[in-house]
Amino acid sequence: MRRCVGCRQLFPRSQLWRLVRQFDSHQVLLDQGMGRSAYVCRRLECLQAARRKQQMSRALKAPVPDSVFQRLEQQLLHDSEAQGPWETSPPEASASDKT
């Protein structure tokens, strides 16, 4: 389980995007390499909050280029078009899942 920097909720790693500040170059990349990582939900609200409040930069201790946020927004739009508007947010845990 990992925590989204936008909404601070816990999700399985597969439901989040991972941003990495690479160890050697200190570049921030999308899910590539080893180094300090931060995670964000695949929801527009979380992505916008993380960008507006600079939560990703704070978590990674490095500036996150606008190109990374633009790429994530494009991926989010692509995913929502492919799945339909009702499947864009991560599934909520139901009471039957906890038993």
Foldseek 3Di string as FASTA:
>chain_A
DAAALQPRDDDPPVQWWKWALEDPPRAIDTPDHDHQIHIHGLDPNSLVRCVVVVSRCVSRVHDHDVVRSVVSVVVLVVVCVVPPVVPSGDDDDDPVNVD
